C-alpha atoms as a PDB file:
ATOM      1  CA  MET A   1       0.302  16.467  13.870  1.00  0.00           C
ATOM      2  CA  LEU A   2       1.953  19.689  14.959  1.00  0.00           C
ATOM      3  CA  LEU A   3       1.580  21.233  11.540  1.00  0.00           C
ATOM      4  CA  PHE A   4      -2.141  20.420  11.449  1.00  0.00           C
ATOM      5  CA  SER A   5      -2.625  21.852  14.929  1.00  0.00           C
ATOM      6  CA  PHE A   6      -0.759  25.045  14.006  1.00  0.00           C
ATOM      7  CA  LYS A   7      -2.734  25.515  10.796  1.00  0.00           C
ATOM      8  CA  GLY A   8      -6.203  24.584  12.103  1.00  0.00           C
ATOM      9  CA  GLU A   9      -7.129  28.137  13.088  1.00  0.00           C
ATOM     10  CA  VAL A  10      -5.805  29.549   9.798  1.00  0.00           C
ATOM     11  CA  ILE A  11      -7.860  27.032   7.815  1.00  0.00           C
ATOM     12  CA  ILE A  12     -11.060  27.831   9.700  1.00  0.00           C
ATOM     13  CA  SER A  13     -10.597  31.606   9.616  1.00  0.00           C
ATOM     14  CA  ASN A  14      -9.614  31.825   5.909  1.00  0.00           C
ATOM     15  CA  PRO A  15     -11.960  29.594   3.898  1.00  0.00           C
ATOM     16  CA  PHE A  16     -11.460  31.518   0.644  1.00  0.00           C
ATOM     17  CA  THR A  17      -7.674  31.275   0.901  1.00  0.00           C
ATOM     18  CA  ILE A  18      -8.063  27.551   1.379  1.00  0.00           C
ATOM     19  CA  LEU A  19     -10.338  27.423  -1.664  1.00  0.00           C
ATOM     20  CA  TRP A  20      -7.696  29.260  -3.736  1.00  0.00           C
ATOM     21  CA  ILE A  21      -5.223  26.524  -2.776  1.00  0.00           C
ATOM     22  CA  ALA A  22      -7.618  23.573  -3.041  1.00  0.00           C
ATOM     23  CA  VAL A  23      -9.149  24.203  -6.474  1.00  0.00           C
ATOM     24  CA  PRO A  24      -5.871  24.145  -8.453  1.00  0.00           C
ATOM     25  CA  LEU A  25      -4.729  21.076  -6.508  1.00  0.00           C
ATOM     26  CA  PHE A  26      -7.989  19.319  -7.368  1.00  0.00           C
ATOM     27  CA  ILE A  27      -7.686  20.222 -11.054  1.00  0.00           C
ATOM     28  CA  GLN A  28      -4.031  19.195 -11.179  1.00  0.00           C
ATOM     29  CA  THR A  29      -4.691  15.819  -9.576  1.00  0.00           C
ATOM     30  CA  VAL A  30      -7.631  15.004 -11.851  1.00  0.00           C
ATOM     31  CA  LEU A  31      -5.798  16.087 -15.015  1.00  0.00           C
ATOM     32  CA  ILE A  32      -2.666  14.094 -14.229  1.00  0.00           C
ATOM     33  CA  PHE A  33      -4.824  11.072 -13.410  1.00  0.00           C
ATOM     34  CA  ALA A  34      -6.713  11.476 -16.703  1.00  0.00           C
ATOM     35  CA  LEU A  35      -3.461  11.701 -18.654  1.00  0.00           C
ATOM     36  CA  GLY A  36      -2.095   8.590 -16.975  1.00  0.00           C
ATOM     37  CA  TYR A  37      -5.306   6.593 -17.316  1.00  0.00           C
ATOM     38  CA  GLY A  38      -5.774   7.636 -20.941  1.00  0.00           C
ATOM     39  CA  ALA A  39      -2.150   6.949 -21.841  1.00  0.00           C
ATOM     40  CA  SER A  40      -2.412   3.533 -20.194  1.00  0.00           C
ATOM     41  CA  LYS A  41      -5.452   2.756 -22.342  1.00  0.00           C
ATOM     42  CA  ILE A  42      -3.709   3.941 -25.521  1.00  0.00           C
ATOM     43  CA  MET A  43      -0.604   1.890 -24.682  1.00  0.00           C
ATOM     44  CA  GLY A  44      -2.735  -1.212 -24.262  1.00  0.00           C
ATOM     45  CA  LEU A  45      -2.136  -1.783 -20.548  1.00  0.00           C
ATOM     46  CA  ASN A  46      -4.627  -3.949 -18.744  1.00  0.00           C
ATOM     47  CA  TYR A  47      -6.782  -2.536 -15.950  1.00  0.00           C
ATOM     48  CA  GLU A  48      -4.648  -4.117 -13.235  1.00  0.00           C
ATOM     49  CA  ASN A  49      -1.706  -1.989 -14.421  1.00  0.00           C
ATOM     50  CA  ALA A  50      -3.542   1.079 -15.722  1.00  0.00           C
ATOM     51  CA  ALA A  51      -5.355   1.975 -12.498  1.00  0.00           C
ATOM     52  CA  PRO A  52      -2.294   1.938 -10.198  1.00  0.00           C
ATOM     53  CA  THR A  53      -0.213   3.705 -12.845  1.00  0.00           C
ATOM     54  CA  ALA A  54      -2.679   6.585 -13.052  1.00  0.00           C
ATOM     55  CA  MET A  55      -3.151   6.748  -9.270  1.00  0.00           C
ATOM     56  CA  ILE A  56       0.580   6.843  -8.533  1.00  0.00           C
ATOM     57  CA  GLY A  57       1.087   9.483 -11.214  1.00  0.00           C
ATOM     58  CA  ALA A  58      -1.674  11.650  -9.742  1.00  0.00           C
ATOM     59  CA  SER A  59      -0.397  11.386  -6.176  1.00  0.00           C
ATOM     60  CA  ASN A  60       1.241  14.568  -4.937  1.00  0.00           C
ATOM     61  CA  HIS A  61       3.402  12.852  -2.294  1.00  0.00           C
ATOM     62  CA  PHE A  62       2.463  15.436   0.297  1.00  0.00           C
ATOM     63  CA  GLU A  63       4.481  13.769   3.031  1.00  0.00           C
ATOM     64  CA  VAL A  64       7.634  14.829   1.161  1.00  0.00           C
ATOM     65  CA  ALA A  65       6.134  18.247   0.398  1.00  0.00           C
ATOM     66  CA  ILE A  66       5.333  18.844   4.071  1.00  0.00           C
ATOM     67  CA  ALA A  67       8.840  17.958   5.177  1.00  0.00           C
ATOM     68  CA  THR A  68      10.377  20.165   2.494  1.00  0.00           C
ATOM     69  CA  ALA A  69       8.102  23.150   3.182  1.00  0.00           C
ATOM     70  CA  VAL A  70       8.693  23.027   6.921  1.00  0.00           C
ATOM     71  CA  MET A  71      12.465  22.673   6.587  1.00  0.00           C
ATOM     72  CA  LEU A  72      12.830  25.423   3.970  1.00  0.00           C
ATOM     73  CA  TYR A  73      10.175  27.931   5.032  1.00  0.00           C
ATOM     74  CA  GLY A  74       9.108  27.061   8.591  1.00  0.00           C
ATOM     75  CA  LEU A  75       5.844  25.991  10.206  1.00  0.00           C
ATOM     76  CA  SER A  76       4.183  29.390   9.840  1.00  0.00           C
ATOM     77  CA  SER A  77       4.820  29.723   6.092  1.00  0.00           C
ATOM     78  CA  GLY A  78       2.303  29.768   3.278  1.00  0.00           C
ATOM     79  CA  ALA A  79       4.087  26.752   1.792  1.00  0.00           C
ATOM     80  CA  ALA A  80       3.384  24.775   4.949  1.00  0.00           C
ATOM     81  CA  LEU A  81      -0.271  25.858   4.779  1.00  0.00           C
ATOM     82  CA  ALA A  82      -0.506  24.708   1.151  1.00  0.00           C
ATOM     83  CA  THR A  83       0.848  21.269   2.042  1.00  0.00           C
ATOM     84  CA  VAL A  84      -1.697  20.901   4.853  1.00  0.00           C
ATOM     85  CA  VAL A  85      -4.506  21.830   2.467  1.00  0.00           C
ATOM     86  CA  GLY A  86      -3.025  19.405  -0.067  1.00  0.00           C
ATOM     87  CA  VAL A  87      -3.257  16.518   2.362  1.00  0.00           C
ATOM     88  CA  LEU A  88      -6.856  17.417   3.205  1.00  0.00           C
ATOM     89  CA  ILE A  89      -7.765  17.549  -0.500  1.00  0.00           C
ATOM     90  CA  GLU A  90      -5.770  14.587  -1.772  1.00  0.00           C
ATOM     91  CA  VAL A  91      -7.454  11.850   0.252  1.00  0.00           C
ATOM     92  CA  PRO A  92     -11.053  12.485  -0.887  1.00  0.00           C
ATOM     93  CA  VAL A  93      -9.937  13.193  -4.464  1.00  0.00           C
ATOM     94  CA  MET A  94      -7.967   9.954  -4.642  1.00  0.00           C
ATOM     95  CA  LEU A  95     -10.960   8.035  -3.255  1.00  0.00           C
ATOM     96  CA  MET A  96     -13.116   9.621  -5.965  1.00  0.00           C
ATOM     97  CA  LEU A  97     -10.586   8.511  -8.592  1.00  0.00           C
ATOM     98  CA  VAL A  98     -10.518   4.972  -7.198  1.00  0.00           C
ATOM     99  CA  LYS A  99     -14.302   4.837  -7.539  1.00  0.00           C
ATOM    100  CA  PHE A 100     -13.946   6.073 -11.137  1.00  0.00           C
ATOM    101  CA  CYS A 101     -11.392   3.322 -11.847  1.00  0.00           C
ATOM    102  CA  VAL A 102     -13.672   0.642 -10.464  1.00  0.00           C
ATOM    103  CA  ARG A 103     -16.588   1.892 -12.558  1.00  0.00           C
ATOM    104  CA  THR A 104     -14.518   2.030 -15.752  1.00  0.00           C
ATOM    105  CA  GLN A 105     -12.511  -1.149 -15.440  1.00  0.00           C
ATOM    106  CA  ASP A 106     -14.454  -2.673 -18.343  1.00  0.00           C
ATOM    107  CA  TRP A 107     -12.703  -0.133 -20.623  1.00  0.00           C
ATOM    108  CA  PHE A 108      -9.614  -2.351 -20.352  1.00  0.00           C
ATOM    109  CA  GLU A 109      -8.837  -5.953 -21.200  1.00  0.00           C
ATOM    110  CA  HIS A 110      -8.369  -8.198 -18.186  1.00  0.00           C
ATOM    111  CA  HIS A 111      -5.461 -10.595 -18.208  1.00  0.00           C
ATOM    112  CA  GLU A 112      -5.666 -13.602 -15.969  1.00  0.00           C
END
């Protein structure tokens, strides 16, 4: 909570800086998800295993990143700002990917 409160003003006053951080994070998350989902399909996994595999692979584990950035570089660092932006980006992106999984579940065999 403290980190978000410290970075709130920076986020609002620097929208283009935030965009420079957010766009690569978005691309990275989607590409890693696509690799995991595609590899799961190629390996013959069923949907019930493929979707969580791809989602876990695409997760950036920002809670660990926040702790590391704050401990190594401090609350006012650019690394701490990037982790805050990461958290703000990751949730909607992951929800988008969940929706994609649900819509494409017929690409996989279902095992009862």
